[in-house]
Amino acid sequence: MFTNSVVSYPNRGNFGNNRYRGNCTGHIIVDLIETYLPAGGLFVDPAIGGGTSLDVANSMGIRYFCTDLHQGFDLVKDDLAKTVGEQADLVFFHAPYANMVVYSGHMWGKRGEPHEGDLSRMNDEQFVAALQVCLFNISDSVKPGGHYGVLMGNQRRKGQYINWSSLVERLAPDPLVDEIIKIQHNCVSDSTQYQQKKLVRIAHEKLLVFKKRPESDVLTWLHHDHEALRISVTQGIERAIRRILQCASFTSEQLVGLILARAPHYSKSLILKVLKECPYIIYDNGYFRLK
């Protein structure tokens, strides 16, 4: 059971196929189950990979449903709740970290033949879209008040740090209730030498735990997302204007011109509306300045 938000398991335990690249220790799944699965509840893993969660569930004697793309279940296309036959109390999802490790046609399947539903075979844009579809699918498969945990690591590619775990937080349709930082051990990259001498090696993953909202589904999320996007756009304009006004005072025409010159997708009417309603800005002798 989790007792704090940082965990470390130097010994991965006798769970799953330890030769399956990218698999995780079964100990974190044990702790997840002990913390969030109610007595008699159903545990589901739609992407078992090397079978770690399957071994954990069997060892703990719990009710479970475990499957994977290499067993014929495609989380991008197939309805998880319908496949399972009932809603889950807890779902564990260990997604590929984009293309860090390639699975279909490499770890399983016919060599060189990728599966179209394999997230590790997608480009970044496709991966993000498919990942959110998977999260919607998982959320809809969980009972109201139930939980789902997503284990995700980050990636450094060509000098760029890609924060996939933060992306999961933004894409999930339900509220985050816990963030468990898992220290990594025995990574393949540990023995790799890089030309960049001052390199901060990534040595953690995050288990993000979400709680299913009552009566929540993808259409409800779509409605809330539209409203959140509208608010976000307004807030973005307001904060940009406040930063501009730290430098000098401007007329409305000057401010609108500055913003539209660099961000022409905004409308003049929206910018003027923000100017009028922002409580941190005042209009003084033809110029806008910070209050």
Protein backbone atom coordinates (compact mmCIF):
# COMPACT_ATOMS: atom_id res chain seq x y z
CA MET A 1 0.00 0.00 0.00
CA PHE A 2 1.25 3.49 -0.82
CA THR A 3 2.24 5.47 2.27
CA ASN A 4 3.86 8.44 0.53
CA SER A 5 4.22 9.89 -2.96
CA VAL A 6 7.73 8.59 -3.73
CA VAL A 7 8.40 4.87 -4.15
CA SER A 8 11.43 2.77 -5.02
CA TYR A 9 11.59 -0.93 -5.80
CA PRO A 10 15.21 -2.02 -6.45
CA ASN A 11 14.01 -5.63 -6.78
CA ARG A 12 11.33 -5.91 -9.49
CA GLY A 13 9.97 -9.19 -8.09
CA ASN A 14 8.95 -12.39 -9.86
CA PHE A 15 6.16 -10.84 -11.90
CA GLY A 16 5.83 -11.02 -15.66
CA ASN A 17 8.49 -11.54 -18.33
CA ASN A 18 11.57 -9.61 -17.25
CA ARG A 19 12.88 -9.71 -20.82
CA TYR A 20 9.91 -7.73 -22.10
CA ARG A 21 11.31 -4.24 -22.74
CA GLY A 22 9.62 -1.44 -20.84
CA ASN A 23 7.81 -3.61 -18.32
CA CYS A 24 7.49 -2.38 -14.76
CA THR A 25 7.93 -3.95 -11.37
CA GLY A 26 4.89 -5.76 -10.05
CA HIS A 27 5.37 -4.16 -6.64
CA ILE A 28 3.88 -0.86 -7.79
CA ILE A 29 0.81 -2.70 -9.07
CA VAL A 30 0.50 -4.49 -5.72
CA ASP A 31 0.58 -1.14 -3.92
CA LEU A 32 -1.93 0.34 -6.37
CA ILE A 33 -4.34 -2.53 -5.79
CA GLU A 34 -3.95 -2.47 -2.01
CA THR A 35 -4.58 1.28 -1.97
CA TYR A 36 -7.48 1.68 -4.40
CA LEU A 37 -9.23 -1.64 -5.05
CA PRO A 38 -12.20 -2.27 -2.74
CA ALA A 39 -12.77 -5.76 -1.35
CA GLY A 40 -14.28 -7.97 -4.05
CA GLY A 41 -13.72 -5.28 -6.67
CA LEU A 42 -12.67 -5.84 -10.28
CA PHE A 43 -9.15 -4.97 -11.45
CA VAL A 44 -8.55 -4.43 -15.18
CA ASP A 45 -5.39 -3.98 -17.24
CA PRO A 46 -5.99 -3.43 -20.99
CA ALA A 47 -2.27 -3.48 -21.88
CA ILE A 48 -0.51 -6.22 -19.93
CA GLY A 49 2.61 -6.33 -22.11
CA GLY A 50 4.84 -8.98 -20.55
CA GLY A 51 2.12 -10.12 -18.13
CA THR A 52 3.23 -8.36 -14.95
CA SER A 53 -0.24 -7.31 -13.78
CA LEU A 54 -1.63 -10.74 -14.63
CA ASP A 55 0.90 -12.39 -12.31
CA VAL A 56 0.18 -9.81 -9.60
CA ALA A 57 -3.57 -10.36 -9.79
CA ASN A 58 -3.16 -14.13 -9.60
CA SER A 59 -0.81 -13.89 -6.63
CA MET A 60 -3.23 -11.61 -4.76
CA GLY A 61 -6.31 -13.73 -5.50
CA ILE A 62 -8.38 -10.80 -6.76
CA ARG A 63 -10.97 -10.59 -9.54
CA TYR A 64 -9.31 -9.36 -12.71
CA PHE A 65 -9.53 -8.96 -16.46
CA CYS A 66 -6.22 -8.58 -18.31
CA THR A 67 -5.63 -8.33 -22.04
CA ASP A 68 -3.40 -6.63 -24.61
CA LEU A 69 -3.06 -5.65 -28.25
CA HIS A 70 -1.00 -8.81 -28.84
CA GLN A 71 -4.02 -10.78 -27.56
CA GLY A 72 -6.40 -9.10 -30.00
CA PHE A 73 -7.78 -6.22 -27.90
CA ASP A 74 -7.19 -2.74 -29.36
CA LEU A 75 -7.73 0.00 -26.77
CA VAL A 76 -7.80 2.59 -29.56
CA LYS A 77 -10.69 0.87 -31.38
CA ASP A 78 -12.45 -1.58 -29.06
CA ASP A 79 -14.81 -0.64 -26.21
CA LEU A 80 -13.14 -1.71 -22.96
CA ALA A 81 -16.28 -1.90 -20.81
CA LYS A 82 -18.06 -4.05 -23.38
CA THR A 83 -15.04 -6.33 -23.71
CA VAL A 84 -14.73 -6.79 -19.95
CA GLY A 85 -18.48 -7.29 -19.49
CA GLU A 86 -18.81 -5.06 -16.43
CA GLN A 87 -17.41 -1.80 -15.13
CA ALA A 88 -14.12 -1.92 -13.26
CA ASP A 89 -13.31 -0.63 -9.80
CA LEU A 90 -9.67 -0.08 -10.73
CA VAL A 91 -7.81 0.05 -14.05
CA PHE A 92 -4.03 0.06 -14.49
CA PHE A 93 -2.63 1.35 -17.79
CA HIS A 94 1.08 1.23 -18.58
CA ALA A 95 1.17 2.88 -21.98
CA PRO A 96 4.18 3.01 -24.30
CA TYR A 97 6.29 6.10 -23.76
CA ALA A 98 5.68 7.15 -27.37
CA ASN A 99 8.33 5.47 -29.57
CA MET A 100 10.92 4.93 -26.83
CA VAL A 101 10.43 1.16 -27.15
CA VAL A 102 8.83 -0.32 -30.28
CA TYR A 103 6.48 -3.22 -29.63
CA SER A 104 4.50 -4.71 -32.55
CA GLY A 105 6.79 -6.25 -35.13
CA HIS A 106 9.64 -6.18 -32.65
CA MET A 107 8.70 -7.33 -29.12
CA TRP A 108 5.79 -9.37 -30.48
CA GLY A 109 4.20 -10.25 -33.81
CA LYS A 110 5.87 -10.88 -37.12
CA ARG A 111 9.20 -9.13 -37.40
CA GLY A 112 8.92 -5.81 -39.22
CA GLU A 113 5.12 -5.77 -39.38
CA PRO A 114 3.67 -3.03 -37.12
CA HIS A 115 0.12 -3.13 -35.80
CA GLU A 116 -1.97 -0.05 -36.61
CA GLY A 117 -3.20 0.15 -33.01
CA ASP A 118 0.30 0.15 -31.52
CA LEU A 119 0.93 3.53 -29.87
CA SER A 120 4.69 2.96 -30.02
CA ARG A 121 4.52 2.91 -33.84
CA MET A 122 2.82 6.30 -34.12
CA ASN A 123 4.32 9.74 -34.65
CA ASP A 124 3.94 12.23 -31.82
CA GLU A 125 0.72 13.79 -33.14
CA GLN A 126 -0.89 10.39 -33.67
CA PHE A 127 0.35 9.21 -30.28
CA VAL A 128 -1.20 12.12 -28.39
CA ALA A 129 -4.56 11.69 -30.15
CA ALA A 130 -4.61 7.91 -29.62
CA LEU A 131 -3.52 8.27 -25.99
CA GLN A 132 -6.47 10.54 -25.23
CA VAL A 133 -8.87 8.13 -26.95
CA CYS A 134 -7.45 5.37 -24.72
CA LEU A 135 -7.95 7.52 -21.61
CA PHE A 136 -11.57 8.23 -22.61
CA ASN A 137 -12.10 4.50 -23.15
CA ILE A 138 -10.60 3.65 -19.75
CA SER A 139 -12.59 6.35 -17.94
CA ASP A 140 -15.85 5.11 -19.44
CA SER A 141 -15.01 1.57 -18.26
CA VAL A 142 -14.64 2.58 -14.59
CA LYS A 143 -17.47 2.74 -12.06
CA PRO A 144 -18.31 6.22 -10.73
CA GLY A 145 -16.05 6.76 -7.75
CA GLY A 146 -13.62 4.12 -9.01
CA HIS A 147 -10.02 4.81 -9.96
CA TYR A 148 -7.59 4.33 -12.82
CA GLY A 149 -3.82 4.65 -12.68
CA VAL A 150 -1.60 5.52 -15.63
CA LEU A 151 2.12 4.80 -15.36
CA MET A 152 4.04 7.12 -17.66
CA GLY A 153 7.67 8.11 -18.07
CA ASN A 154 9.26 11.06 -19.82
CA GLN A 155 11.68 11.12 -22.72
CA ARG A 156 14.65 13.10 -23.95
CA ARG A 157 14.89 13.05 -27.73
CA LYS A 158 17.50 14.98 -29.74
CA GLY A 159 18.13 17.27 -26.80
CA GLN A 160 14.46 17.99 -26.17
CA TYR A 161 12.78 16.95 -22.90
CA ILE A 162 9.32 15.56 -23.61
CA ASN A 163 7.08 15.49 -20.53
CA TRP A 164 4.63 12.71 -21.40
CA SER A 165 3.43 12.37 -17.79
CA SER A 166 2.27 15.99 -17.67
CA LEU A 167 0.51 15.38 -20.97
CA VAL A 168 -1.47 12.52 -19.40
CA GLU A 169 -2.65 14.89 -16.65
CA ARG A 170 -3.98 17.31 -19.27
CA LEU A 171 -5.61 14.64 -21.44
CA ALA A 172 -7.41 12.58 -18.78
CA PRO A 173 -11.11 13.46 -18.44
CA ASP A 174 -11.24 12.93 -14.67
CA PRO A 175 -9.59 14.68 -11.71
CA LEU A 176 -6.13 13.65 -10.57
CA VAL A 177 -6.20 12.44 -6.97
CA ASP A 178 -2.66 11.13 -6.48
CA GLU A 179 0.74 11.36 -8.14
CA ILE A 180 3.22 8.65 -7.25
CA ILE A 181 6.83 9.23 -8.31
CA LYS A 182 8.54 5.91 -8.99
CA ILE A 183 12.33 5.75 -8.97
CA GLN A 184 13.68 3.74 -11.90
CA HIS A 185 16.31 1.01 -11.56
CA ASN A 186 18.36 -1.01 -14.06
CA CYS A 187 17.37 1.03 -17.13
CA VAL A 188 18.94 0.18 -20.50
CA SER A 189 19.99 3.83 -20.85
CA ASP A 190 22.01 3.63 -17.60
CA SER A 191 24.88 2.03 -19.47
CA THR A 192 24.66 4.33 -22.49
CA GLN A 193 27.36 6.98 -22.92
CA TYR A 194 26.23 10.31 -24.34
CA GLN A 195 28.30 13.07 -25.97
CA GLN A 196 26.64 15.66 -23.78
CA LYS A 197 28.67 15.58 -20.55
CA LYS A 198 26.31 17.54 -18.30
CA LEU A 199 23.28 15.36 -18.83
CA VAL A 200 20.62 14.98 -16.16
CA ARG A 201 19.47 11.39 -16.66
CA ILE A 202 15.78 10.67 -16.32
CA ALA A 203 15.45 8.29 -13.39
CA HIS A 204 11.75 8.38 -12.55
CA GLU A 205 8.30 7.56 -13.82
CA LYS A 206 4.94 8.81 -12.56
CA LEU A 207 1.90 6.81 -11.60
CA LEU A 208 -1.01 9.22 -12.05
CA VAL A 209 -4.19 8.14 -10.29
CA PHE A 210 -7.53 9.56 -11.41
CA LYS A 211 -10.97 9.22 -9.80
CA LYS A 212 -13.97 8.66 -12.05
CA ARG A 213 -16.49 11.48 -11.86
CA PRO A 214 -20.11 10.46 -11.24
CA GLU A 215 -22.14 10.40 -14.46
CA SER A 216 -19.10 11.37 -16.51
CA ASP A 217 -18.57 10.43 -20.15
CA VAL A 218 -16.77 11.78 -23.20
CA LEU A 219 -19.67 14.07 -24.19
CA THR A 220 -19.71 15.62 -20.73
CA TRP A 221 -15.97 16.15 -21.03
CA LEU A 222 -16.42 17.75 -24.45
CA HIS A 223 -18.84 20.30 -23.00
CA HIS A 224 -16.53 21.15 -20.09
CA ASP A 225 -13.47 21.24 -22.35
CA HIS A 226 -15.13 23.80 -24.63
CA GLU A 227 -15.90 26.05 -21.66
CA ALA A 228 -12.42 25.56 -20.22
CA LEU A 229 -10.87 26.42 -23.58
CA ARG A 230 -12.91 29.64 -23.80
CA ILE A 231 -11.79 30.66 -20.31
CA SER A 232 -8.19 29.70 -21.08
CA VAL A 233 -8.10 31.91 -24.19
CA THR A 234 -9.48 34.89 -22.25
CA GLN A 235 -7.01 34.34 -19.41
CA GLY A 236 -4.12 34.03 -21.86
CA ILE A 237 -4.93 37.37 -23.46
CA GLU A 238 -5.33 39.03 -20.06
CA ARG A 239 -1.98 37.79 -18.77
CA ALA A 240 -0.19 38.78 -21.97
CA ILE A 241 -1.65 42.30 -21.74
CA ARG A 242 -0.59 42.61 -18.10
CA ARG A 243 2.96 41.68 -19.09
CA ILE A 244 2.93 44.23 -21.95
CA LEU A 245 1.68 46.93 -19.60
CA GLN A 246 4.58 46.27 -17.24
CA CYS A 247 6.75 47.91 -19.91
CA ALA A 248 4.67 50.99 -20.74
CA SER A 249 1.15 52.39 -21.09
CA PHE A 250 -0.63 51.95 -24.42
CA THR A 251 -3.77 53.06 -26.17
CA SER A 252 -6.31 50.41 -27.11
CA GLU A 253 -5.30 50.72 -30.76
CA GLN A 254 -1.64 50.18 -29.89
CA LEU A 255 -2.38 47.13 -27.75
CA VAL A 256 -4.65 45.56 -30.34
CA GLY A 257 -2.04 46.21 -33.03
CA LEU A 258 0.76 44.67 -30.96
CA ILE A 259 -1.23 41.51 -30.24
CA LEU A 260 -2.69 40.99 -33.72
CA ALA A 261 0.70 41.51 -35.35
CA ARG A 262 2.04 38.44 -33.57
CA ALA A 263 -1.17 36.51 -32.88
CA PRO A 264 -3.58 37.30 -35.73
CA HIS A 265 -5.91 34.41 -34.85
CA TYR A 266 -7.38 36.45 -31.98
CA SER A 267 -10.21 38.90 -32.64
CA LYS A 268 -10.10 42.64 -31.98
CA SER A 269 -13.44 42.44 -30.16
CA LEU A 270 -12.17 39.80 -27.74
CA ILE A 271 -9.02 41.78 -26.94
CA LEU A 272 -11.09 44.92 -26.26
CA LYS A 273 -13.48 42.89 -24.10
CA VAL A 274 -10.59 41.62 -21.97
CA LEU A 275 -9.22 45.14 -21.66
CA LYS A 276 -12.57 46.40 -20.44
CA GLU A 277 -13.20 43.62 -17.93
CA CYS A 278 -9.72 43.01 -16.50
CA PRO A 279 -9.68 44.14 -12.83
CA TYR A 280 -5.92 44.74 -12.92
CA ILE A 281 -6.02 47.37 -15.70
CA ILE A 282 -7.30 50.94 -15.64
CA TYR A 283 -7.98 53.46 -18.40
CA ASP A 284 -6.31 56.82 -17.74
CA ASN A 285 -6.30 59.80 -20.13
CA GLY A 286 -6.57 57.68 -23.26
CA TYR A 287 -4.06 55.05 -22.14
CA PHE A 288 -4.32 51.67 -20.48
CA ARG A 289 -1.97 50.94 -17.60
CA LEU A 290 -1.71 48.51 -14.68
CA LYS A 291 -3.75 49.43 -11.62
